[in-house]
Amino acid sequence: MRHWLLAFIAGFLAVLCFHQMALGVLHAAGVVPFAPFSLAATAPFGAPALLSACFWGGLWGLALVWVLTRLGSQWVWLKAGLFGGVALTLVALVVVFPLKGYGFNLAQLPGRFIIGFILNGLWGVGTLVFLRAFGR
């Protein structure tokens, strides 16, 4: 149970320390129009966007640990980054964006994928950083 709790906490913290920081850099560079650490209410429950992102980051942290334990320990940093960059970004583009009304626009897909890959890949690496910090 402790193992899974730490996985959730690692994913939660990785949103704050890696994903949102990268979002801040991309926002400052004019790449994305929205700022990090948003406290705006999100549908359907009205939770602050940051808290929602951290919660989902925690759940994805559970999935990341589950996947990494099955893939072996070689190239674990690359696997964590690719898991975040590919899996989370695809779910965001195919499931989350349409549910939030952003639609599935093929013209915007490459740019959105690249931005998502950067943000979520850093989340994956950040989750692994926290997992390592917590110890085995």
Protein backbone atom coordinates (compact mmCIF):
# COMPACT_ATOMS: atom_id res chain seq x y z
CA MET A 1 0.00 0.00 0.00
CA ARG A 2 2.85 2.39 0.85
CA HIS A 3 4.38 1.72 -2.57
CA TRP A 4 1.22 2.89 -4.34
CA LEU A 5 0.76 5.88 -2.07
CA LEU A 6 4.29 7.05 -2.88
CA ALA A 7 3.61 6.54 -6.60
CA PHE A 8 0.54 8.77 -6.31
CA ILE A 9 2.44 11.42 -4.35
CA ALA A 10 5.32 11.34 -6.85
CA GLY A 11 2.96 11.90 -9.78
CA PHE A 12 1.12 14.63 -7.86
CA LEU A 13 4.35 16.48 -7.05
CA ALA A 14 5.74 16.04 -10.56
CA VAL A 15 2.81 18.10 -11.87
CA LEU A 16 3.75 20.95 -9.55
CA CYS A 17 7.52 20.83 -9.98
CA PHE A 18 8.03 19.66 -13.57
CA HIS A 19 4.85 19.91 -15.66
CA GLN A 20 3.74 23.33 -14.42
CA MET A 21 7.26 24.75 -14.47
CA ALA A 22 7.66 23.66 -18.10
CA LEU A 23 4.24 25.15 -18.84
CA GLY A 24 5.48 28.40 -17.33
CA VAL A 25 8.50 28.42 -19.61
CA LEU A 26 6.34 27.70 -22.67
CA HIS A 27 3.88 30.40 -21.62
CA ALA A 28 6.68 32.95 -21.08
CA ALA A 29 8.03 32.09 -24.53
CA GLY A 30 4.61 32.70 -26.07
CA VAL A 31 4.16 29.08 -27.15
CA VAL A 32 1.00 28.46 -25.11
CA PRO A 33 -1.64 31.07 -24.24
CA PHE A 34 -2.43 29.86 -20.73
CA ALA A 35 -0.35 30.39 -17.61
CA PRO A 36 0.69 27.68 -15.16
CA PHE A 37 -0.69 27.20 -11.65
CA SER A 38 -4.22 28.18 -12.68
CA LEU A 39 -6.83 28.16 -9.94
CA ALA A 40 -9.71 28.57 -12.41
CA ALA A 41 -12.59 26.18 -11.84
CA THR A 42 -12.76 23.12 -14.07
CA ALA A 43 -15.84 21.18 -15.16
CA PRO A 44 -17.68 19.20 -14.01
CA PHE A 45 -16.97 19.63 -10.27
CA GLY A 46 -15.50 23.14 -10.23
CA ALA A 47 -12.18 22.05 -8.73
CA PRO A 48 -9.21 24.38 -9.31
CA ALA A 49 -7.38 23.43 -12.51
CA LEU A 50 -4.08 22.99 -10.65
CA LEU A 51 -5.59 20.63 -8.09
CA SER A 52 -7.30 18.66 -10.85
CA ALA A 53 -4.04 18.34 -12.78
CA CYS A 54 -2.18 17.22 -9.65
CA PHE A 55 -4.85 14.63 -8.85
CA TRP A 56 -4.69 13.19 -12.35
CA GLY A 57 -0.90 13.32 -12.20
CA GLY A 58 -1.11 11.18 -9.07
CA LEU A 59 -3.34 8.63 -10.79
CA TRP A 60 -1.03 8.55 -13.79
CA GLY A 61 1.84 8.06 -11.34
CA LEU A 62 0.22 4.76 -10.33
CA ALA A 63 0.03 3.73 -13.99
CA LEU A 64 3.64 4.76 -14.59
CA VAL A 65 4.91 2.64 -11.70
CA TRP A 66 2.82 -0.31 -12.86
CA VAL A 67 4.22 -0.04 -16.41
CA LEU A 68 7.83 0.50 -15.32
CA THR A 69 7.79 -2.56 -13.05
CA ARG A 70 6.84 -4.66 -16.06
CA LEU A 71 9.34 -3.16 -18.50
CA GLY A 72 12.50 -3.71 -16.48
CA SER A 73 15.07 -1.30 -15.11
CA GLN A 74 17.14 -0.62 -18.22
CA TRP A 75 16.65 2.81 -19.77
CA VAL A 76 14.11 3.60 -17.03
CA TRP A 77 14.50 7.38 -17.42
CA LEU A 78 13.76 7.17 -21.14
CA LYS A 79 10.81 4.85 -20.50
CA ALA A 80 9.36 7.25 -17.91
CA GLY A 81 9.72 10.19 -20.28
CA LEU A 82 8.22 8.30 -23.20
CA PHE A 83 5.35 6.99 -21.10
CA GLY A 84 4.45 10.49 -20.01
CA GLY A 85 5.13 12.05 -23.39
CA VAL A 86 3.20 9.54 -25.46
CA ALA A 87 0.51 7.94 -23.25
CA LEU A 88 -0.61 11.06 -21.40
CA THR A 89 -0.50 13.23 -24.51
CA LEU A 90 -2.52 10.77 -26.60
CA VAL A 91 -5.18 10.47 -23.88
CA ALA A 92 -5.30 14.27 -23.60
CA LEU A 93 -5.67 14.77 -27.35
CA VAL A 94 -8.10 11.94 -28.06
CA VAL A 95 -10.22 11.90 -24.87
CA VAL A 96 -9.76 14.98 -22.67
CA PHE A 97 -9.67 17.74 -25.30
CA PRO A 98 -12.90 16.62 -27.02
CA LEU A 99 -14.62 16.28 -23.61
CA LYS A 100 -13.59 19.84 -22.74
CA GLY A 101 -14.83 21.14 -26.09
CA TYR A 102 -11.44 21.70 -27.72
CA GLY A 103 -12.30 19.25 -30.48
CA PHE A 104 -10.02 17.06 -32.52
CA ASN A 105 -8.50 19.35 -35.13
CA LEU A 106 -6.04 17.51 -37.39
CA ALA A 107 -4.36 20.78 -38.39
CA GLN A 108 -3.48 21.53 -34.76
CA LEU A 109 -2.57 17.95 -33.87
CA PRO A 110 1.22 18.09 -34.53
CA GLY A 111 1.74 21.27 -32.51
CA ARG A 112 -0.47 20.10 -29.67
CA PHE A 113 1.30 16.74 -29.62
CA ILE A 114 4.74 18.34 -29.42
CA ILE A 115 3.68 20.66 -26.58
CA GLY A 116 1.98 17.79 -24.77
CA PHE A 117 4.97 15.53 -25.29
CA ILE A 118 7.28 18.10 -23.71
CA LEU A 119 5.03 18.80 -20.73
CA ASN A 120 4.03 15.20 -20.07
CA GLY A 121 7.46 13.76 -20.81
CA LEU A 122 8.90 16.07 -18.17
CA TRP A 123 6.12 14.94 -15.84
CA GLY A 124 7.21 11.31 -16.38
CA VAL A 125 10.85 12.09 -15.65
CA GLY A 126 9.80 14.22 -12.67
CA THR A 127 7.69 11.39 -11.27
CA LEU A 128 10.72 9.12 -11.46
CA VAL A 129 12.85 11.78 -9.73
CA PHE A 130 10.41 11.82 -6.80
CA LEU A 131 10.15 8.03 -6.72
CA ARG A 132 13.92 7.79 -6.50
CA ALA A 133 13.99 10.50 -3.83
CA PHE A 134 11.47 8.51 -1.78
CA GLY A 135 13.70 5.45 -2.03
CA ARG A 136 12.98 1.99 -3.25
